[in-house]
Amino acid sequence: MCNDYRLMVELASVIDEFEHLKIKIRFPEGRPNIEAREDIKITDIAPIVRSAEGARQGGELVQRRWSWPSPTKRPVYNFRSEGRDFTSNRCLIIADGFYEFTTPRDTKKKGKDKWLFRKIGDPIFAIAGIWRETHDVGRAFTMLTMEPGPDIAPYHDRQIVILDRSGWADWLDPSVSATSLIRPLPRGSLSVEQIG
């Protein structure tokens, strides 16, 4: 399951993508300095866009920790979406790629094969997430997961929820049913490249 993703796109380009969708971005904690990163890993701080109170077509870009500790202290970095209709604390996790790892085809290789997935035709995409306030780490986010779509199924038996661009504003609106937005992308939506 996804435990590593990337964001190599500059903040200005991210804002442009949201403006193109008529979603106004606010910076309640100041405009962050977001560096391009090939690897954003569990417990790292990363940008998310969360709902802006009272703004249907708006969101707040903040930086938060990826994962919160479970009661057993293991990080909750992925969260099953099935059977739940998330009505609060939704967020969009901005990425331009994510990684999956598989058993190596070369039996002599140490470690797993690393695969980079990107959304074809889009410089960035949004992963459906939720955030939570915790006593241990403060506000943190996690990625929602679902059954794999056709592009992911050959590599993993679960996948993160990648929202269609037309659903970004709806995900930020808690009055819109989350279950109506969670569905796999059509076959051929993602490119895949072995990078390790």
C-alpha atoms as a PDB file:
ATOM      1  CA  MET A   1       0.000   0.000   0.000  1.00  0.00           C
ATOM      2  CA  CYS A   2       1.174   3.499  -0.713  1.00  0.00           C
ATOM      3  CA  ASN A   3       3.783   4.552   1.828  1.00  0.00           C
ATOM      4  CA  ASP A   4       5.755   6.910  -0.425  1.00  0.00           C
ATOM      5  CA  TYR A   5       4.643   9.591  -2.858  1.00  0.00           C
ATOM      6  CA  ARG A   6       6.101  12.652  -4.516  1.00  0.00           C
ATOM      7  CA  LEU A   7       5.418  16.282  -5.336  1.00  0.00           C
ATOM      8  CA  MET A   8       7.920  17.856  -7.717  1.00  0.00           C
ATOM      9  CA  VAL A   9       5.646  20.724  -8.800  1.00  0.00           C
ATOM     10  CA  GLU A  10       6.124  24.288  -7.486  1.00  0.00           C
ATOM     11  CA  LEU A  11       3.498  25.913  -5.274  1.00  0.00           C
ATOM     12  CA  ALA A  12       2.553  28.448  -7.959  1.00  0.00           C
ATOM     13  CA  SER A  13       1.657  25.617 -10.340  1.00  0.00           C
ATOM     14  CA  VAL A  14      -0.426  23.906  -7.650  1.00  0.00           C
ATOM     15  CA  ILE A  15      -2.360  27.139  -7.055  1.00  0.00           C
ATOM     16  CA  ASP A  16      -2.872  27.544 -10.814  1.00  0.00           C
ATOM     17  CA  GLU A  17      -4.389  24.060 -11.029  1.00  0.00           C
ATOM     18  CA  PHE A  18      -6.877  24.899  -8.276  1.00  0.00           C
ATOM     19  CA  GLU A  19      -7.710  28.276  -9.826  1.00  0.00           C
ATOM     20  CA  HIS A  20      -8.370  26.538 -13.142  1.00  0.00           C
ATOM     21  CA  LEU A  21     -11.015  24.484 -11.296  1.00  0.00           C
ATOM     22  CA  LYS A  22     -12.388  27.684  -9.692  1.00  0.00           C
ATOM     23  CA  ILE A  23     -11.274  26.601  -6.208  1.00  0.00           C
ATOM     24  CA  LYS A  24      -9.874  29.549  -4.251  1.00  0.00           C
ATOM     25  CA  ILE A  25      -6.922  28.642  -2.047  1.00  0.00           C
ATOM     26  CA  ARG A  26      -6.275  30.438   1.256  1.00  0.00           C
ATOM     27  CA  PHE A  27      -3.152  30.294   3.416  1.00  0.00           C
ATOM     28  CA  PRO A  28      -4.358  30.563   7.043  1.00  0.00           C
ATOM     29  CA  GLU A  29      -0.860  29.810   8.365  1.00  0.00           C
ATOM     30  CA  GLY A  30       1.004  31.871   5.783  1.00  0.00           C
ATOM     31  CA  ARG A  31       2.180  30.921   2.325  1.00  0.00           C
ATOM     32  CA  PRO A  32       4.315  27.803   2.845  1.00  0.00           C
ATOM     33  CA  ASN A  33       7.724  27.212   1.331  1.00  0.00           C
ATOM     34  CA  ILE A  34       7.149  23.885  -0.410  1.00  0.00           C
ATOM     35  CA  GLU A  35      10.240  22.211  -1.788  1.00  0.00           C
ATOM     36  CA  ALA A  36      10.092  19.716  -4.641  1.00  0.00           C
ATOM     37  CA  ARG A  37      10.458  16.217  -3.173  1.00  0.00           C
ATOM     38  CA  GLU A  38      10.802  12.867  -4.891  1.00  0.00           C
ATOM     39  CA  ASP A  39       9.967  10.988  -1.709  1.00  0.00           C
ATOM     40  CA  ILE A  40       7.372  12.014   0.848  1.00  0.00           C
ATOM     41  CA  LYS A  41       7.310   9.270   3.442  1.00  0.00           C
ATOM     42  CA  ILE A  42       5.276   8.364   6.497  1.00  0.00           C
ATOM     43  CA  THR A  43       5.660  10.956   9.312  1.00  0.00           C
ATOM     44  CA  ASP A  44       6.944  13.619   6.868  1.00  0.00           C
ATOM     45  CA  ILE A  45       5.281  17.040   6.787  1.00  0.00           C
ATOM     46  CA  ALA A  46       3.541  17.676   3.463  1.00  0.00           C
ATOM     47  CA  PRO A  47       0.983  20.048   1.936  1.00  0.00           C
ATOM     48  CA  ILE A  48      -2.730  19.298   1.990  1.00  0.00           C
ATOM     49  CA  VAL A  49      -5.781  21.334   1.046  1.00  0.00           C
ATOM     50  CA  ARG A  50      -8.526  21.095   3.647  1.00  0.00           C
ATOM     51  CA  SER A  51     -12.050  22.474   3.622  1.00  0.00           C
ATOM     52  CA  ALA A  52     -12.322  26.185   4.333  1.00  0.00           C
ATOM     53  CA  GLU A  53     -15.224  26.847   6.660  1.00  0.00           C
ATOM     54  CA  GLY A  54     -18.051  28.623   4.880  1.00  0.00           C
ATOM     55  CA  ALA A  55     -16.402  28.471   1.446  1.00  0.00           C
ATOM     56  CA  ARG A  56     -17.995  26.019  -1.014  1.00  0.00           C
ATOM     57  CA  GLN A  57     -15.447  26.713  -3.730  1.00  0.00           C
ATOM     58  CA  GLY A  58     -12.450  27.169  -1.487  1.00  0.00           C
ATOM     59  CA  GLY A  59      -9.808  25.411   0.536  1.00  0.00           C
ATOM     60  CA  GLU A  60      -6.947  26.080   2.905  1.00  0.00           C
ATOM     61  CA  LEU A  61      -3.453  24.962   1.991  1.00  0.00           C
ATOM     62  CA  VAL A  62      -1.562  23.910   5.117  1.00  0.00           C
ATOM     63  CA  GLN A  63       1.311  21.570   5.904  1.00  0.00           C
ATOM     64  CA  ARG A  64       0.678  18.586   8.137  1.00  0.00           C
ATOM     65  CA  ARG A  65       2.265  15.326   9.217  1.00  0.00           C
ATOM     66  CA  TRP A  66       1.430  12.245   7.160  1.00  0.00           C
ATOM     67  CA  SER A  67       0.072   9.656   9.640  1.00  0.00           C
ATOM     68  CA  TRP A  68      -1.051   9.647  13.215  1.00  0.00           C
ATOM     69  CA  PRO A  69      -0.237   6.953  15.755  1.00  0.00           C
ATOM     70  CA  SER A  70      -2.743   4.162  16.345  1.00  0.00           C
ATOM     71  CA  PRO A  71      -3.472   2.899  19.886  1.00  0.00           C
ATOM     72  CA  THR A  72      -0.606   0.424  19.321  1.00  0.00           C
ATOM     73  CA  LYS A  73       1.616   3.365  18.211  1.00  0.00           C
ATOM     74  CA  ARG A  74       1.841   2.100  14.605  1.00  0.00           C
ATOM     75  CA  PRO A  75       1.366   4.912  12.077  1.00  0.00           C
ATOM     76  CA  VAL A  76      -2.051   5.222  10.435  1.00  0.00           C
ATOM     77  CA  TYR A  77      -0.977   6.344   6.975  1.00  0.00           C
ATOM     78  CA  ASN A  78      -3.703   4.567   4.969  1.00  0.00           C
ATOM     79  CA  PHE A  79      -7.362   4.265   5.975  1.00  0.00           C
ATOM     80  CA  ARG A  80     -10.005   2.020   4.379  1.00  0.00           C
ATOM     81  CA  SER A  81     -12.821   3.965   2.735  1.00  0.00           C
ATOM     82  CA  GLU A  82     -15.317   1.129   2.416  1.00  0.00           C
ATOM     83  CA  GLY A  83     -18.465   1.434   4.508  1.00  0.00           C
ATOM     84  CA  ARG A  84     -17.796   5.005   5.617  1.00  0.00           C
ATOM     85  CA  ASP A  85     -19.162   8.362   4.516  1.00  0.00           C
ATOM     86  CA  PHE A  86     -16.658  10.904   5.757  1.00  0.00           C
ATOM     87  CA  THR A  87     -18.658  14.015   6.655  1.00  0.00           C
ATOM     88  CA  SER A  88     -15.909  16.113   8.214  1.00  0.00           C
ATOM     89  CA  ASN A  89     -12.162  16.705   8.186  1.00  0.00           C
ATOM     90  CA  ARG A  90     -11.700  15.852   4.527  1.00  0.00           C
ATOM     91  CA  CYS A  91      -8.595  16.985   2.695  1.00  0.00           C
ATOM     92  CA  LEU A  92      -6.921  16.752  -0.684  1.00  0.00           C
ATOM     93  CA  ILE A  93      -3.380  15.384  -0.647  1.00  0.00           C
ATOM     94  CA  ILE A  94      -1.510  16.953  -3.543  1.00  0.00           C
ATOM     95  CA  ALA A  95       0.880  14.739  -5.498  1.00  0.00           C
ATOM     96  CA  ASP A  96       2.340  14.272  -8.941  1.00  0.00           C
ATOM     97  CA  GLY A  97       3.264  10.622  -8.426  1.00  0.00           C
ATOM     98  CA  PHE A  98       3.110   7.752  -5.980  1.00  0.00           C
ATOM     99  CA  TYR A  99       5.015   4.542  -5.545  1.00  0.00           C
ATOM    100  CA  GLU A 100       4.146   0.897  -5.093  1.00  0.00           C
ATOM    101  CA  PHE A 101       6.617  -1.839  -4.245  1.00  0.00           C
ATOM    102  CA  THR A 102       6.508  -5.452  -5.444  1.00  0.00           C
ATOM    103  CA  THR A 103       8.500  -8.613  -4.935  1.00  0.00           C
ATOM    104  CA  PRO A 104      11.475  -8.357  -7.298  1.00  0.00           C
ATOM    105  CA  ARG A 105      11.267 -10.202 -10.588  1.00  0.00           C
ATOM    106  CA  ASP A 106      15.021 -10.719 -10.394  1.00  0.00           C
ATOM    107  CA  THR A 107      15.494 -13.264  -7.611  1.00  0.00           C
ATOM    108  CA  LYS A 108      19.078 -12.053  -7.052  1.00  0.00           C
ATOM    109  CA  LYS A 109      17.967  -8.494  -6.332  1.00  0.00           C
ATOM    110  CA  LYS A 110      17.911  -7.292  -2.738  1.00  0.00           C
ATOM    111  CA  GLY A 111      14.889  -5.208  -1.835  1.00  0.00           C
ATOM    112  CA  LYS A 112      11.674  -4.732  -3.748  1.00  0.00           C
ATOM    113  CA  ASP A 113      10.957  -3.396  -7.210  1.00  0.00           C
ATOM    114  CA  LYS A 114       9.801   0.247  -7.031  1.00  0.00           C
ATOM    115  CA  TRP A 115       7.120   1.502  -9.435  1.00  0.00           C
ATOM    116  CA  LEU A 116       6.206   5.150 -10.061  1.00  0.00           C
ATOM    117  CA  PHE A 117       2.579   5.877 -10.990  1.00  0.00           C
ATOM    118  CA  ARG A 118       1.583   9.215 -12.541  1.00  0.00           C
ATOM    119  CA  LYS A 119      -1.743  10.505 -13.805  1.00  0.00           C
ATOM    120  CA  ILE A 120      -1.634  10.771 -17.596  1.00  0.00           C
ATOM    121  CA  GLY A 121      -2.246  14.303 -18.861  1.00  0.00           C
ATOM    122  CA  ASP A 122      -2.256  16.022 -15.456  1.00  0.00           C
ATOM    123  CA  PRO A 123       0.732  17.712 -13.788  1.00  0.00           C
ATOM    124  CA  ILE A 124      -0.765  17.022 -10.345  1.00  0.00           C
ATOM    125  CA  PHE A 125      -3.574  14.954  -8.880  1.00  0.00           C
ATOM    126  CA  ALA A 126      -5.404  14.812  -5.560  1.00  0.00           C
ATOM    127  CA  ILE A 127      -5.585  11.844  -3.221  1.00  0.00           C
ATOM    128  CA  ALA A 128      -8.657  11.715  -0.992  1.00  0.00           C
ATOM    129  CA  GLY A 129      -7.616  12.119   2.617  1.00  0.00           C
ATOM    130  CA  ILE A 130      -8.873  12.868   6.069  1.00  0.00           C
ATOM    131  CA  TRP A 131      -7.144  14.704   8.895  1.00  0.00           C
ATOM    132  CA  ARG A 132      -7.416  14.399  12.629  1.00  0.00           C
ATOM    133  CA  GLU A 133      -6.232  16.159  15.767  1.00  0.00           C
ATOM    134  CA  THR A 134      -4.279  13.841  18.039  1.00  0.00           C
ATOM    135  CA  HIS A 135      -2.747  14.283  21.456  1.00  0.00           C
ATOM    136  CA  ASP A 136       0.551  12.727  20.327  1.00  0.00           C
ATOM    137  CA  VAL A 137       1.328  14.570  17.077  1.00  0.00           C
ATOM    138  CA  GLY A 138      -1.261  17.338  16.694  1.00  0.00           C
ATOM    139  CA  ARG A 139      -3.048  17.587  13.332  1.00  0.00           C
ATOM    140  CA  ALA A 140      -2.106  14.858  10.879  1.00  0.00           C
ATOM    141  CA  PHE A 141      -3.551  13.346   7.696  1.00  0.00           C
ATOM    142  CA  THR A 142      -3.972   9.914   6.178  1.00  0.00           C
ATOM    143  CA  MET A 143      -4.794   8.637   2.680  1.00  0.00           C
ATOM    144  CA  LEU A 144      -8.008   6.781   1.948  1.00  0.00           C
ATOM    145  CA  THR A 145      -7.765   3.422   0.202  1.00  0.00           C
ATOM    146  CA  MET A 146     -10.091   1.230  -1.869  1.00  0.00           C
ATOM    147  CA  GLU A 147     -10.133  -1.872  -4.043  1.00  0.00           C
ATOM    148  CA  PRO A 148      -7.616  -1.492  -6.877  1.00  0.00           C
ATOM    149  CA  GLY A 149      -8.596  -0.120 -10.248  1.00  0.00           C
ATOM    150  CA  PRO A 150      -7.396  -1.707 -13.493  1.00  0.00           C
ATOM    151  CA  ASP A 151      -4.085   0.206 -13.626  1.00  0.00           C
ATOM    152  CA  ILE A 152      -3.075  -0.749 -10.060  1.00  0.00           C
ATOM    153  CA  ALA A 153      -4.430  -4.313  -9.785  1.00  0.00           C
ATOM    154  CA  PRO A 154      -1.350  -5.951 -11.399  1.00  0.00           C
ATOM    155  CA  TYR A 155       0.842  -4.348  -8.700  1.00  0.00           C
ATOM    156  CA  HIS A 156      -1.213  -4.305  -5.490  1.00  0.00           C
ATOM    157  CA  ASP A 157      -4.480  -5.581  -4.020  1.00  0.00           C
ATOM    158  CA  ARG A 158      -5.421  -2.097  -2.669  1.00  0.00           C
ATOM    159  CA  GLN A 159      -4.937   1.435  -3.920  1.00  0.00           C
ATOM    160  CA  ILE A 160      -5.165   5.012  -2.726  1.00  0.00           C
ATOM    161  CA  VAL A 161      -8.278   6.962  -3.744  1.00  0.00           C
ATOM    162  CA  ILE A 162      -7.315   9.301  -6.571  1.00  0.00           C
ATOM    163  CA  LEU A 163     -10.128  11.774  -7.099  1.00  0.00           C
ATOM    164  CA  ASP A 164     -11.277  12.831 -10.533  1.00  0.00           C
ATOM    165  CA  ARG A 165     -10.474  16.543 -11.000  1.00  0.00           C
ATOM    166  CA  SER A 166     -14.173  17.317 -11.310  1.00  0.00           C
ATOM    167  CA  GLY A 167     -14.630  16.013  -7.754  1.00  0.00           C
ATOM    168  CA  TRP A 168     -11.989  18.105  -5.947  1.00  0.00           C
ATOM    169  CA  ALA A 169     -14.422  20.874  -4.891  1.00  0.00           C
ATOM    170  CA  ASP A 170     -17.022  18.267  -3.922  1.00  0.00           C
ATOM    171  CA  TRP A 171     -14.500  16.448  -1.702  1.00  0.00           C
ATOM    172  CA  LEU A 172     -13.926  19.705   0.170  1.00  0.00           C
ATOM    173  CA  ASP A 173     -17.703  20.114   0.649  1.00  0.00           C
ATOM    174  CA  PRO A 174     -18.886  17.886   3.543  1.00  0.00           C
ATOM    175  CA  SER A 175     -22.489  18.098   2.319  1.00  0.00           C
ATOM    176  CA  VAL A 176     -21.531  16.010  -0.748  1.00  0.00           C
ATOM    177  CA  SER A 177     -21.505  12.262  -0.083  1.00  0.00           C
ATOM    178  CA  ALA A 178     -17.956  10.916   0.051  1.00  0.00           C
ATOM    179  CA  THR A 179     -19.087   7.528  -1.253  1.00  0.00           C
ATOM    180  CA  SER A 180     -20.305   9.178  -4.470  1.00  0.00           C
ATOM    181  CA  LEU A 181     -16.741  10.380  -5.172  1.00  0.00           C
ATOM    182  CA  ILE A 182     -14.751   7.249  -4.319  1.00  0.00           C
ATOM    183  CA  ARG A 183     -14.316   5.130  -7.436  1.00  0.00           C
ATOM    184  CA  PRO A 184     -11.404   3.796  -9.472  1.00  0.00           C
ATOM    185  CA  LEU A 185     -10.092   5.763 -12.418  1.00  0.00           C
ATOM    186  CA  PRO A 186     -10.738   4.259 -15.857  1.00  0.00           C
ATOM    187  CA  ARG A 187      -8.141   1.910 -17.362  1.00  0.00           C
ATOM    188  CA  GLY A 188      -5.276   3.855 -18.904  1.00  0.00           C
ATOM    189  CA  SER A 189      -5.529   6.838 -16.520  1.00  0.00           C
ATOM    190  CA  LEU A 190      -2.184   6.105 -14.863  1.00  0.00           C
ATOM    191  CA  SER A 191       1.242   5.570 -16.338  1.00  0.00           C
ATOM    192  CA  VAL A 192       3.644   3.222 -14.566  1.00  0.00           C
ATOM    193  CA  GLU A 193       7.421   3.124 -14.714  1.00  0.00           C
ATOM    194  CA  GLN A 194       9.863   0.898 -12.856  1.00  0.00           C
ATOM    195  CA  ILE A 195      12.446   3.107 -11.164  1.00  0.00           C
ATOM    196  CA  GLY A 196      14.144   0.732  -8.770  1.00  0.00           C
END
